[in-house]
Amino acid sequence: SGFVMLTNNIGRHLMVHPAMIPRNLKPFPYICGNRMLSGYKPKSNVKDSYKILELEEECSLDDIRNSYRNLAKKYHPDSGSTTADSEAFMKVEEAYRVVLSDVATKKRSNENNEKEEDQFKSKAPQHRHYLSFEGVGFGTPSQREKQYMQFRVDRATEQVLEYRKQRLESQYAVTDLMKAKDVRQSKKVKITQAVERLVEDLIQESMAKGDFDNLSGKGKPLQKFSDCPHIDPMTHNLNRILIDNGYQPEWILMQKEIRETIEQLRKSVVASRRNIGEPMTPYRQKQWNRICEQFTEDIRKLNKRIDNFNLVVPLLSRQMVHFSADKEIVRAQKTYEALMENREASNSDTKENEEENVKKFGWKSSLFKWLNL
């Protein structure tokens, strides 16, 4: 149409006729559609254009636009900045156009390559005979068939070897279990033989002492115990002989010792309380506190022995629980009170009996006293 587009200081675009443009106004490039309204001819190549825009060749389109925008603000003649330069701005403009054209060219080439690949893929012949024989082998169908037969033979051989391997491993596992069972059985036999030897040694020792000389059943077979048919008579006889000769398991002895100890402690604390007597003065209270402290310490030691007993006892039902010192002290106090009540009752009964005797035989008792004097 003959008009030229110009940009003023505030960034507005104006359509001006060339006759109205002052002669001293320097033209600068401006993009209008696909034309550059400038007489400047591009002289830079693609690499220089990337350098001018301070970019790399593999950058994205957004990076190109951001770099051009920043450089345009920096070098535009109407930006009002100290770095404004029309020639530098024209170089940036030219570099921007070159880079955009390079990116568009690369994009078109990539699209064309993809289309060609799609065409080749669609036109590639379908060799359906290669889909048979599980994809094994190469060459003609007859050659591939022979290779596939050999492949099947090799695979069957591997499967047979794997089956034999698993079978041998299972056999070895069974043999290991049998060995472990044999070891346990041998240990059991050794223990039984050791017990039998011990019993035999004890019997021989008793015979040497003469314990069997004066027996009424000497030389006669041992009587079988018919009380319980589920007990082996030989085992019962062996156990009876061991017990008679003083052989008892450790846990039985410990249980007996624990019961005897707790009975002694209970009797001692009741006796100590009886010795203190009544009434409970502060001095007697201190004595009773010291006795309780000592009793608590004895109970603590006894509980340790109970722990050791629970470790060796073979049955859970035979395990023992700890004794409580506080409960035992309360129990001792109640026992002492009961004893005192019984004592008072017995004293009252004796006094009543004496009074009745005096009433019945008063003159006889006085006569006996006078004779004794």
Foldseek 3Di string as FASTA:
>chain_A
DQWDWDADLVGDIDTHHPVPDDPPDDDFWDDDPPDTPDPDDDDDAQVVLCVLLVHDLPDDPVSLVVSLVVVCCQADQSNPDPNHHRVSNNSNVSSSVNSVVVVVVVVVVVVVVVVVVVVCVVPPDDPPLCPPLVNDDDDDSVRRVVRSVVVVVVVVVVVVVVVVVVVVVVVVVVVVVVVVVVVVVVVVVVVVVVLVVVLVVLVVVCVVVVVLVPDPQPPHDDDADPPDPVDDRVVVVSVVSCVVSPHDDPLVVLVVVLVVVVVVLLVVLLVLVVVLPDDCDPVSVVVNVVSLVVSQVSLVVSVVSLVVSCVPDPDPVPRDDGDDSVVSNVVSVVVNVVVVVVVVVVVVVVVVVVVVCCVVCVVVVVVVVVVVD
